[in-house]
């Protein structure tokens, strides 16, 4: 419970703000309604992003205290206020050729019109986020150096494909081109461009990390990167952004009030932060060896769902349940694996 203390305090304050916002706009009934909607959004965000917490923890566990603290403080401020409040405003401002202040006033005074402008660009946002997430999944799956394989021989064989240079980029681009069949002719170019940008951003962040990891030039820097770096920090920020796209867009199906959306998603993001800290400090990933696998498979599923959502409406509850089920199965597999190892050890003795 200690790891979730701050999140609980933050939630209480945030829900009080949601209540005040509703009360100032329409009295007690609206206040209770706003609090309830914020709670629903918080649960939705936490369920959608649980796999994000696992992946974050798998990366943060090797970082030193400085970079870990920086991500869990500054990084979370960017995640809560930047990606869940400012980024949607930036999207509307750029696509609708409006000023930031003008978009903010539109969001506050005409939330329905604001949501229409934002959701009208759902296809581009989904293409960008899905390509970034797909490369995260593919580079985990197609890794010839990975020693533990959740799916046994199948995963082992797929891992051998990692010997082929740029195989993950080839697969991602192939999926992107195929997904264009879901898009009407008028929007194909912008969706393709957004998807390519998702790939370029992933490669750009990876490039920064590779430059910093050049041990031939500075062995100290290579050591530092394994404990945390600018490249790693940017990678986790973009990863969180890709996860938050789905939550932000989906939130408008529940409410059009941008203040309540920010509060609800912010609460969910804080619990994801607490879960990340818990997983790192308790060493949970070491005890549940397939948990990281389950999280990455959930990321792969989310990337495909985001592409399908370009044409088909897929309820957020489905997206969340797929991630939870995959992680639950990975935990179950990990428990079976641990029992098997114990039996082997006892046999050797």
Protein backbone atom coordinates (compact mmCIF):
# COMPACT_ATOMS: atom_id res chain seq x y z
CA UNK A 1 0.00 0.00 0.00
CA UNK A 2 2.97 2.27 0.61
CA UNK A 3 3.71 2.43 -3.12
CA UNK A 4 0.17 3.66 -3.87
CA UNK A 5 -0.10 6.25 -1.08
CA UNK A 6 0.71 9.24 -3.30
CA UNK A 7 -1.66 8.02 -6.03
CA UNK A 8 -4.50 7.71 -3.51
CA UNK A 9 -3.86 11.25 -2.22
CA UNK A 10 -3.65 12.56 -5.79
CA UNK A 11 -6.90 10.75 -6.62
CA UNK A 12 -8.73 12.27 -3.65
CA UNK A 13 -7.61 15.79 -4.59
CA UNK A 14 -8.36 15.22 -8.29
CA UNK A 15 -11.85 13.84 -7.60
CA UNK A 16 -12.54 16.82 -5.33
CA UNK A 17 -11.55 19.07 -8.24
CA UNK A 18 -13.91 17.13 -10.53
CA UNK A 19 -16.70 17.58 -7.98
CA UNK A 20 -16.00 21.30 -7.68
CA UNK A 21 -15.95 21.65 -11.48
CA UNK A 22 -19.33 19.93 -11.73
CA UNK A 23 -20.83 21.85 -8.80
CA UNK A 24 -19.75 25.23 -10.21
CA UNK A 25 -21.32 24.31 -13.55
CA UNK A 26 -24.61 22.73 -12.45
CA UNK A 27 -24.93 21.99 -8.76
CA UNK A 28 -24.72 18.83 -6.67
CA UNK A 29 -26.18 16.44 -9.25
CA UNK A 30 -23.65 17.43 -11.90
CA UNK A 31 -20.86 17.32 -9.31
CA UNK A 32 -21.64 13.69 -8.47
CA UNK A 33 -21.89 12.89 -12.17
CA UNK A 34 -18.45 14.41 -12.84
CA UNK A 35 -16.86 12.45 -9.99
CA UNK A 36 -18.40 9.23 -11.28
CA UNK A 37 -17.20 9.88 -14.85
CA UNK A 38 -13.70 10.68 -13.60
CA UNK A 39 -13.63 7.35 -11.73
CA UNK A 40 -14.73 5.45 -14.86
CA UNK A 41 -12.01 7.15 -16.92
CA UNK A 42 -9.39 6.41 -14.25
CA UNK A 43 -10.24 2.70 -14.26
CA UNK A 44 -10.24 2.64 -18.07
CA UNK A 45 -6.83 4.32 -18.26
CA UNK A 46 -5.28 2.06 -15.61
CA UNK A 47 -6.58 -1.10 -17.32
CA UNK A 48 -5.44 0.05 -20.77
CA UNK A 49 -1.98 1.00 -19.50
CA UNK A 50 -1.15 -1.85 -17.11
CA UNK A 51 1.01 -3.46 -19.80
CA UNK A 52 2.71 -0.09 -20.19
CA UNK A 53 3.66 -0.23 -16.50
CA UNK A 54 5.22 -3.68 -16.97
CA UNK A 55 7.28 -2.55 -19.97
CA UNK A 56 8.34 0.64 -18.15
CA UNK A 57 9.43 -1.44 -15.17
CA UNK A 58 11.46 -3.82 -17.37
CA UNK A 59 13.43 -0.82 -18.63
CA UNK A 60 13.64 1.19 -15.39
CA UNK A 61 14.96 -1.73 -13.34
CA UNK A 62 18.43 -1.27 -14.91
CA UNK A 63 18.47 2.51 -14.55
CA UNK A 64 20.30 4.39 -11.83
CA UNK A 65 18.40 6.37 -9.21
CA UNK A 66 18.82 9.74 -10.99
CA UNK A 67 17.22 8.73 -14.30
CA UNK A 68 14.59 6.60 -12.63
CA UNK A 69 13.54 9.47 -10.36
CA UNK A 70 13.59 11.91 -13.29
CA UNK A 71 11.23 9.75 -15.32
CA UNK A 72 8.88 9.07 -12.39
CA UNK A 73 8.64 12.81 -11.61
CA UNK A 74 9.23 15.01 -14.65
CA UNK A 75 8.19 12.21 -16.98
CA UNK A 76 4.88 11.74 -15.17
CA UNK A 77 4.16 15.48 -15.27
CA UNK A 78 4.60 15.32 -19.04
CA UNK A 79 2.46 12.17 -19.19
CA UNK A 80 -0.42 13.54 -17.10
CA UNK A 81 -0.59 17.15 -18.29
CA UNK A 82 1.25 17.03 -21.60
CA UNK A 83 -0.10 13.95 -23.33
CA UNK A 84 -3.57 13.92 -21.78
CA UNK A 85 -4.30 17.65 -21.96
CA UNK A 86 -1.92 19.62 -24.17
CA UNK A 87 -1.31 17.09 -26.93
CA UNK A 88 -5.00 16.79 -27.99
CA UNK A 89 -5.17 20.59 -28.02
CA UNK A 90 -2.05 20.72 -30.23
CA UNK A 91 -3.62 18.20 -32.64
CA UNK A 92 -6.77 20.30 -33.00
CA UNK A 93 -4.78 23.54 -33.26
CA UNK A 94 -2.60 22.20 -36.08
CA UNK A 95 -5.27 20.39 -38.06
CA UNK A 96 -7.97 23.06 -37.70
CA UNK A 97 -5.55 25.98 -38.17
CA UNK A 98 -6.50 27.51 -34.82
CA UNK A 99 -4.51 29.11 -32.00
CA UNK A 100 -3.83 27.15 -28.80
CA UNK A 101 -5.85 29.58 -26.67
CA UNK A 102 -8.68 29.46 -29.18
CA UNK A 103 -8.74 25.66 -29.02
CA UNK A 104 -8.70 25.74 -25.21
CA UNK A 105 -11.71 28.08 -25.18
CA UNK A 106 -13.42 25.78 -27.67
CA UNK A 107 -12.75 22.76 -25.43
CA UNK A 108 -14.18 24.52 -22.37
CA UNK A 109 -17.14 26.28 -23.96
CA UNK A 110 -18.02 23.91 -26.82
CA UNK A 111 -16.74 20.47 -25.79
CA UNK A 112 -18.86 18.64 -28.35
CA UNK A 113 -17.39 20.62 -31.26
CA UNK A 114 -13.90 20.17 -29.80
CA UNK A 115 -14.34 16.40 -29.55
CA UNK A 116 -15.58 16.26 -33.14
CA UNK A 117 -12.49 18.10 -34.36
CA UNK A 118 -10.22 15.80 -32.36
CA UNK A 119 -11.90 12.49 -33.21
CA UNK A 120 -12.07 13.45 -36.88
CA UNK A 121 -8.31 12.85 -36.93
CA UNK A 122 -8.51 9.53 -35.13
CA UNK A 123 -7.15 7.66 -38.16
CA UNK A 124 -3.88 9.63 -38.29
CA UNK A 125 -3.37 9.44 -34.53
CA UNK A 126 -4.01 5.69 -34.55
CA UNK A 127 -1.61 5.13 -37.45
CA UNK A 128 1.18 7.02 -35.67
CA UNK A 129 0.69 5.32 -32.31
CA UNK A 130 0.17 1.83 -33.72
CA UNK A 131 3.39 1.90 -35.75
CA UNK A 132 5.45 2.98 -32.75
CA UNK A 133 3.89 0.28 -30.55
CA UNK A 134 4.25 -2.34 -33.26
CA UNK A 135 8.00 -1.72 -33.48
CA UNK A 136 8.25 -2.02 -29.69
CA UNK A 137 6.54 -5.44 -29.95
CA UNK A 138 8.42 -6.64 -33.04
CA UNK A 139 11.84 -5.73 -31.69
CA UNK A 140 11.03 -7.73 -28.57
CA UNK A 141 9.64 -10.70 -30.51
CA UNK A 142 12.25 -10.79 -33.30
CA UNK A 143 15.24 -10.85 -30.99
CA UNK A 144 17.73 -13.64 -31.66
CA UNK A 145 19.51 -12.98 -28.34
CA UNK A 146 16.39 -13.55 -26.23
CA UNK A 147 16.93 -16.71 -24.19
CA UNK A 148 13.51 -17.22 -22.59
CA UNK A 149 10.63 -17.96 -24.97
CA UNK A 150 7.03 -17.88 -23.78
CA UNK A 151 5.68 -19.65 -26.87
CA UNK A 152 8.49 -22.18 -26.97
CA UNK A 153 9.73 -23.28 -30.40
CA UNK A 154 7.43 -20.88 -32.27
CA UNK A 155 8.84 -17.84 -30.50
CA UNK A 156 12.37 -19.20 -30.78
CA UNK A 157 12.03 -19.56 -34.57
CA UNK A 158 10.56 -16.08 -34.87
CA UNK A 159 13.45 -14.74 -32.82
CA UNK A 160 15.90 -16.09 -35.39
CA UNK A 161 14.38 -13.68 -37.92
CA UNK A 162 16.08 -10.95 -35.92
CA UNK A 163 19.27 -11.85 -37.79
CA UNK A 164 17.77 -10.16 -40.85
CA UNK A 165 18.52 -6.43 -40.80
CA UNK A 166 15.49 -4.15 -40.62
CA UNK A 167 13.06 -7.10 -40.49
CA UNK A 168 10.87 -5.33 -37.92
CA UNK A 169 10.68 -2.19 -40.10
CA UNK A 170 9.75 -4.33 -43.12
CA UNK A 171 6.93 -6.01 -41.18
CA UNK A 172 5.67 -2.70 -39.74
CA UNK A 173 5.63 -1.02 -43.16
CA UNK A 174 3.88 -4.04 -44.69
CA UNK A 175 1.17 -3.90 -42.01
CA UNK A 176 0.83 -0.13 -42.51
CA UNK A 177 0.40 -0.49 -46.28
CA UNK A 178 -2.15 -3.27 -45.77
CA UNK A 179 -4.08 -1.13 -43.27
CA UNK A 180 -4.60 1.53 -45.95
CA UNK A 181 -7.35 -0.70 -47.34
CA UNK A 182 -9.36 0.36 -44.26
CA UNK A 183 -9.03 4.04 -45.17
CA UNK A 184 -11.05 5.98 -47.74
CA UNK A 185 -9.10 7.33 -50.69
CA UNK A 186 -9.22 10.94 -49.49
CA UNK A 187 -7.37 10.11 -46.25
CA UNK A 188 -4.91 7.45 -47.38
CA UNK A 189 -1.99 9.83 -47.81
CA UNK A 190 -2.34 11.50 -44.39
CA UNK A 191 -2.72 8.12 -42.66
CA UNK A 192 0.32 6.74 -44.49
CA UNK A 193 2.31 9.84 -43.55
CA UNK A 194 1.28 9.57 -39.90
CA UNK A 195 2.25 5.89 -39.80
CA UNK A 196 5.65 6.61 -41.34
CA UNK A 197 6.18 9.35 -38.78
CA UNK A 198 5.46 6.80 -36.04
CA UNK A 199 8.21 4.59 -37.47
CA UNK A 200 10.60 7.53 -37.87
CA UNK A 201 10.05 8.67 -34.28
CA UNK A 202 10.81 5.16 -33.01
CA UNK A 203 13.95 5.00 -35.12
CA UNK A 204 14.96 8.51 -34.07
CA UNK A 205 14.70 7.71 -30.37
CA UNK A 206 16.56 4.44 -30.95
CA UNK A 207 19.24 6.34 -32.88
CA UNK A 208 19.81 8.69 -29.95
CA UNK A 209 20.27 5.69 -27.69
CA UNK A 210 22.66 4.03 -30.16
CA UNK A 211 24.78 7.18 -30.44
CA UNK A 212 25.05 7.43 -26.68
CA UNK A 213 25.87 3.74 -26.43
CA UNK A 214 28.93 3.96 -28.69
CA UNK A 215 31.39 2.41 -26.27
CA UNK A 216 34.28 2.77 -28.72
CA UNK A 217 34.14 6.53 -28.23
CA UNK A 218 33.27 6.52 -24.55
CA UNK A 219 32.91 3.34 -22.50
CA UNK A 220 31.59 5.44 -19.63
CA UNK A 221 28.66 6.63 -21.72
CA UNK A 222 27.82 3.07 -22.74
CA UNK A 223 27.70 2.11 -19.08
CA UNK A 224 25.59 5.15 -18.26
CA UNK A 225 22.97 4.32 -20.89
CA UNK A 226 22.32 0.93 -19.31
CA UNK A 227 21.57 2.79 -16.10
CA UNK A 228 19.49 5.50 -17.79
CA UNK A 229 19.88 8.08 -20.55
CA UNK A 230 18.27 10.83 -22.59
CA UNK A 231 17.48 8.27 -25.29
CA UNK A 232 15.82 5.95 -22.81
CA UNK A 233 13.88 8.82 -21.26
CA UNK A 234 12.55 9.92 -24.66
CA UNK A 235 11.72 6.31 -25.55
CA UNK A 236 9.54 5.87 -22.46
CA UNK A 237 7.85 9.24 -23.02
CA UNK A 238 6.90 8.38 -26.61
CA UNK A 239 5.82 4.90 -25.49
CA UNK A 240 3.51 6.44 -22.90
CA UNK A 241 2.22 8.86 -25.53
CA UNK A 242 1.37 5.99 -27.86
CA UNK A 243 -0.59 4.29 -25.07
CA UNK A 244 -2.37 7.51 -24.12
CA UNK A 245 -3.65 8.16 -27.66
CA UNK A 246 -6.12 5.32 -27.37
CA UNK A 247 -7.27 6.42 -23.93
CA UNK A 248 -7.70 10.09 -24.89
CA UNK A 249 -9.69 9.33 -28.03
CA UNK A 250 -11.76 6.69 -26.24
CA UNK A 251 -12.49 9.05 -23.35
CA UNK A 252 -14.69 11.20 -25.57
CA UNK A 253 -17.08 8.26 -25.92
CA UNK A 254 -17.69 8.60 -22.17
CA UNK A 255 -17.73 12.39 -21.74
CA UNK A 256 -16.98 15.47 -23.81
CA UNK A 257 -15.77 17.52 -20.82
CA UNK A 258 -12.01 18.03 -21.29
CA UNK A 259 -11.46 18.90 -17.62
CA UNK A 260 -13.04 15.64 -16.42
CA UNK A 261 -11.13 13.71 -19.09
CA UNK A 262 -7.82 15.18 -17.91
CA UNK A 263 -8.67 14.43 -14.26
CA UNK A 264 -9.80 10.86 -14.91
CA UNK A 265 -6.92 9.95 -17.21
CA UNK A 266 -4.50 11.71 -14.86
CA UNK A 267 -5.62 9.54 -11.95
CA UNK A 268 -5.19 6.43 -14.08
CA UNK A 269 -1.71 7.56 -15.16
CA UNK A 270 -0.67 8.09 -11.53
CA UNK A 271 -1.71 4.53 -10.62
CA UNK A 272 0.30 3.26 -13.59
CA UNK A 273 3.27 5.17 -12.15
CA UNK A 274 2.73 3.56 -8.74
CA UNK A 275 2.45 0.13 -10.33
CA UNK A 276 5.70 0.76 -12.21
CA UNK A 277 7.50 1.67 -8.97
CA UNK A 278 6.04 -1.38 -7.24
CA UNK A 279 7.21 -3.74 -10.00
CA UNK A 280 10.71 -2.25 -9.98
CA UNK A 281 11.26 -2.13 -6.22
CA UNK A 282 9.68 -5.52 -5.48
CA UNK A 283 11.58 -7.21 -8.32
CA UNK A 284 8.31 -8.70 -9.56
CA UNK A 285 9.64 -9.13 -13.10
CA UNK A 286 12.36 -11.43 -11.81
CA UNK A 287 9.81 -13.61 -10.01
CA UNK A 288 7.35 -13.71 -12.93
CA UNK A 289 9.63 -14.40 -15.86
CA UNK A 290 6.94 -14.28 -18.55
CA UNK A 291 5.29 -11.06 -17.33
CA UNK A 292 7.35 -8.95 -19.70
CA UNK A 293 6.38 -11.28 -22.55
CA UNK A 294 2.68 -10.86 -21.74
CA UNK A 295 3.01 -7.08 -21.67
CA UNK A 296 4.73 -6.98 -25.06
CA UNK A 297 2.13 -9.28 -26.61
CA UNK A 298 -0.52 -6.93 -25.21
CA UNK A 299 1.32 -4.05 -26.88
CA UNK A 300 1.29 -5.95 -30.17
CA UNK A 301 -2.45 -6.56 -29.79
CA UNK A 302 -3.05 -2.89 -28.99
CA UNK A 303 -1.14 -1.79 -32.09
CA UNK A 304 -3.37 -3.97 -34.29
CA UNK A 305 -6.51 -2.79 -32.50
CA UNK A 306 -5.51 0.84 -33.10
CA UNK A 307 -5.19 0.12 -36.82
CA UNK A 308 -8.54 -1.70 -36.96
CA UNK A 309 -10.15 1.21 -35.10
CA UNK A 310 -9.49 3.36 -38.14
CA UNK A 311 -12.55 1.74 -39.70
CA UNK A 312 -14.25 -0.27 -36.95
CA UNK A 313 -15.42 0.84 -33.52
CA UNK A 314 -13.75 -1.32 -30.91
CA UNK A 315 -14.95 -0.66 -27.33
CA UNK A 316 -12.22 0.36 -24.88
CA UNK A 317 -13.33 -2.44 -22.55
CA UNK A 318 -12.29 -4.97 -25.22
CA UNK A 319 -8.87 -3.37 -25.56
CA UNK A 320 -8.37 -3.35 -21.80
CA UNK A 321 -9.55 -6.94 -21.34
CA UNK A 322 -7.20 -8.28 -24.03
CA UNK A 323 -4.24 -6.72 -22.24
CA UNK A 324 -5.34 -7.96 -18.83
CA UNK A 325 -5.99 -11.50 -20.10
CA UNK A 326 -2.57 -11.72 -21.79
CA UNK A 327 -0.82 -10.49 -18.66
CA UNK A 328 -2.86 -12.85 -16.45
CA UNK A 329 -1.87 -15.80 -18.65
CA UNK A 330 1.77 -14.72 -18.52
CA UNK A 331 1.61 -14.64 -14.71
CA UNK A 332 0.06 -18.13 -14.67
CA UNK A 333 2.79 -19.37 -17.05
CA UNK A 334 5.44 -17.82 -14.81
CA UNK A 335 4.07 -19.63 -11.75
CA UNK A 336 4.13 -22.94 -13.65
CA UNK A 337 7.67 -22.21 -14.80
CA UNK A 338 8.83 -21.46 -11.25
CA UNK A 339 7.31 -24.71 -9.97
CA UNK A 340 9.04 -26.63 -12.74
CA UNK A 341 12.39 -25.05 -11.88
CA UNK A 342 11.93 -25.94 -8.21
CA UNK A 343 11.23 -29.57 -9.13
CA UNK A 344 14.39 -29.67 -11.26
CA UNK A 345 16.44 -28.15 -8.46
CA UNK A 346 15.12 -30.65 -5.92
CA UNK A 347 15.86 -33.50 -8.34
CA UNK A 348 19.46 -32.32 -8.80
CA UNK A 349 19.94 -32.25 -5.05
